[in-house]
C-alpha atoms as a PDB file:
ATOM      1  CA  MET A   1     138.887  75.856  45.190  1.00  0.00           C
ATOM      2  CA  ALA A   2     138.538  76.440  41.024  1.00  0.00           C
ATOM      3  CA  GLY A   3     140.629  75.038  38.294  1.00  0.00           C
ATOM      4  CA  GLY A   4     141.238  73.130  35.273  1.00  0.00           C
ATOM      5  CA  PRO A   5     143.359  70.010  34.682  1.00  0.00           C
ATOM      6  CA  ARG A   6     146.758  71.963  35.229  1.00  0.00           C
ATOM      7  CA  THR A   7     145.393  73.407  38.781  1.00  0.00           C
ATOM      8  CA  ILE A   8     144.193  69.643  39.576  1.00  0.00           C
ATOM      9  CA  GLU A   9     147.609  68.067  38.538  1.00  0.00           C
ATOM     10  CA  THR A  10     149.774  70.420  40.276  1.00  0.00           C
ATOM     11  CA  PHE A  11     147.752  70.439  43.893  1.00  0.00           C
ATOM     12  CA  ARG A  12     147.567  66.302  43.468  1.00  0.00           C
ATOM     13  CA  ALA A  13     151.334  66.307  42.940  1.00  0.00           C
ATOM     14  CA  LEU A  14     151.909  68.189  45.945  1.00  0.00           C
ATOM     15  CA  GLY A  15     149.895  66.122  47.813  1.00  0.00           C
ATOM     16  CA  ALA A  16     146.777  69.136  48.504  1.00  0.00           C
ATOM     17  CA  LEU A  17     143.822  67.156  47.154  1.00  0.00           C
ATOM     18  CA  ASP A  18     142.029  64.634  49.370  1.00  0.00           C
ATOM     19  CA  GLU A  19     138.813  65.687  47.429  1.00  0.00           C
ATOM     20  CA  LEU A  20     137.748  66.653  43.599  1.00  0.00           C
ATOM     21  CA  GLY A  21     134.219  67.624  43.324  1.00  0.00           C
ATOM     22  CA  LEU A  22     133.698  67.756  39.476  1.00  0.00           C
ATOM     23  CA  ILE A  23     130.324  68.909  37.042  1.00  0.00           C
ATOM     24  CA  VAL A  24     129.632  67.388  34.441  1.00  0.00           C
ATOM     25  CA  LEU A  25     127.301  68.951  31.614  1.00  0.00           C
ATOM     26  CA  PRO A  26     125.120  66.807  29.091  1.00  0.00           C
ATOM     27  CA  LEU A  27     126.735  68.137  25.747  1.00  0.00           C
ATOM     28  CA  LEU A  28     127.613  66.418  22.809  1.00  0.00           C
ATOM     29  CA  LEU A  29     130.466  68.586  21.048  1.00  0.00           C
ATOM     30  CA  GLY A  30     133.416  66.700  20.063  1.00  0.00           C
ATOM     31  CA  GLY A  31     135.637  64.225  21.666  1.00  0.00           C
ATOM     32  CA  GLY A  32     135.967  66.011  25.360  1.00  0.00           C
ATOM     33  CA  MET A  33     138.764  67.320  27.266  1.00  0.00           C
ATOM     34  CA  GLN A  34     141.186  64.773  29.280  1.00  0.00           C
ATOM     35  CA  LEU A  35     140.764  66.187  33.107  1.00  0.00           C
ATOM     36  CA  THR A  36     144.350  65.788  33.780  1.00  0.00           C
ATOM     37  CA  PRO A  37     147.202  63.919  31.350  1.00  0.00           C
ATOM     38  CA  SER A  38     149.605  63.254  33.671  1.00  0.00           C
ATOM     39  CA  LEU A  39     147.444  61.630  36.232  1.00  0.00           C
ATOM     40  CA  SER A  40     150.091  59.348  37.792  1.00  0.00           C
ATOM     41  CA  THR A  41     149.350  55.470  37.666  1.00  0.00           C
ATOM     42  CA  ASP A  42     149.579  55.009  41.299  1.00  0.00           C
ATOM     43  CA  THR A  43     146.375  57.357  42.055  1.00  0.00           C
ATOM     44  CA  THR A  44     143.475  56.233  43.236  1.00  0.00           C
ATOM     45  CA  LEU A  45     140.225  57.621  42.850  1.00  0.00           C
ATOM     46  CA  THR A  46     137.413  56.779  44.633  1.00  0.00           C
ATOM     47  CA  LEU A  47     133.664  57.731  43.964  1.00  0.00           C
ATOM     48  CA  THR A  48     132.433  58.999  47.349  1.00  0.00           C
ATOM     49  CA  ASN A  49     129.335  60.992  46.518  1.00  0.00           C
ATOM     50  CA  GLN A  50     127.235  61.538  43.247  1.00  0.00           C
ATOM     51  CA  ARG A  51     123.731  63.824  41.940  1.00  0.00           C
ATOM     52  CA  VAL A  52     121.918  65.482  39.459  1.00  0.00           C
ATOM     53  CA  LEU A  53     122.056  69.003  39.924  1.00  0.00           C
ATOM     54  CA  PRO A  54     118.096  70.377  39.247  1.00  0.00           C
ATOM     55  CA  SER A  55     119.154  71.952  35.555  1.00  0.00           C
ATOM     56  CA  GLY A  56     120.803  68.530  34.437  1.00  0.00           C
ATOM     57  CA  PRO A  57     124.608  69.094  35.356  1.00  0.00           C
ATOM     58  CA  LEU A  58     125.612  65.775  37.367  1.00  0.00           C
ATOM     59  CA  GLU A  59     128.116  66.229  40.228  1.00  0.00           C
ATOM     60  CA  LEU A  60     130.674  63.715  41.338  1.00  0.00           C
ATOM     61  CA  ILE A  61     132.713  63.699  44.636  1.00  0.00           C
ATOM     62  CA  TYR A  62     136.373  61.468  44.414  1.00  0.00           C
ATOM     63  CA  THR A  63     138.470  61.114  47.446  1.00  0.00           C
ATOM     64  CA  PHE A  64     142.207  60.253  46.642  1.00  0.00           C
ATOM     65  CA  ALA A  65     143.554  57.508  48.145  1.00  0.00           C
END
């Protein structure tokens, strides 16, 4: 599944996410974008995997607890 902050938060609120994969691009423009503004404070993300892709981006995999 692909989507932005609204999609992520909708599925998280429904309890339909068990893993979240992000691709971080190394750009230096502005302040960035908040991933999910209304992420509940009781949500625990655990980094389970990370790797640098051949062209430079970083792939991060998190699980929800």
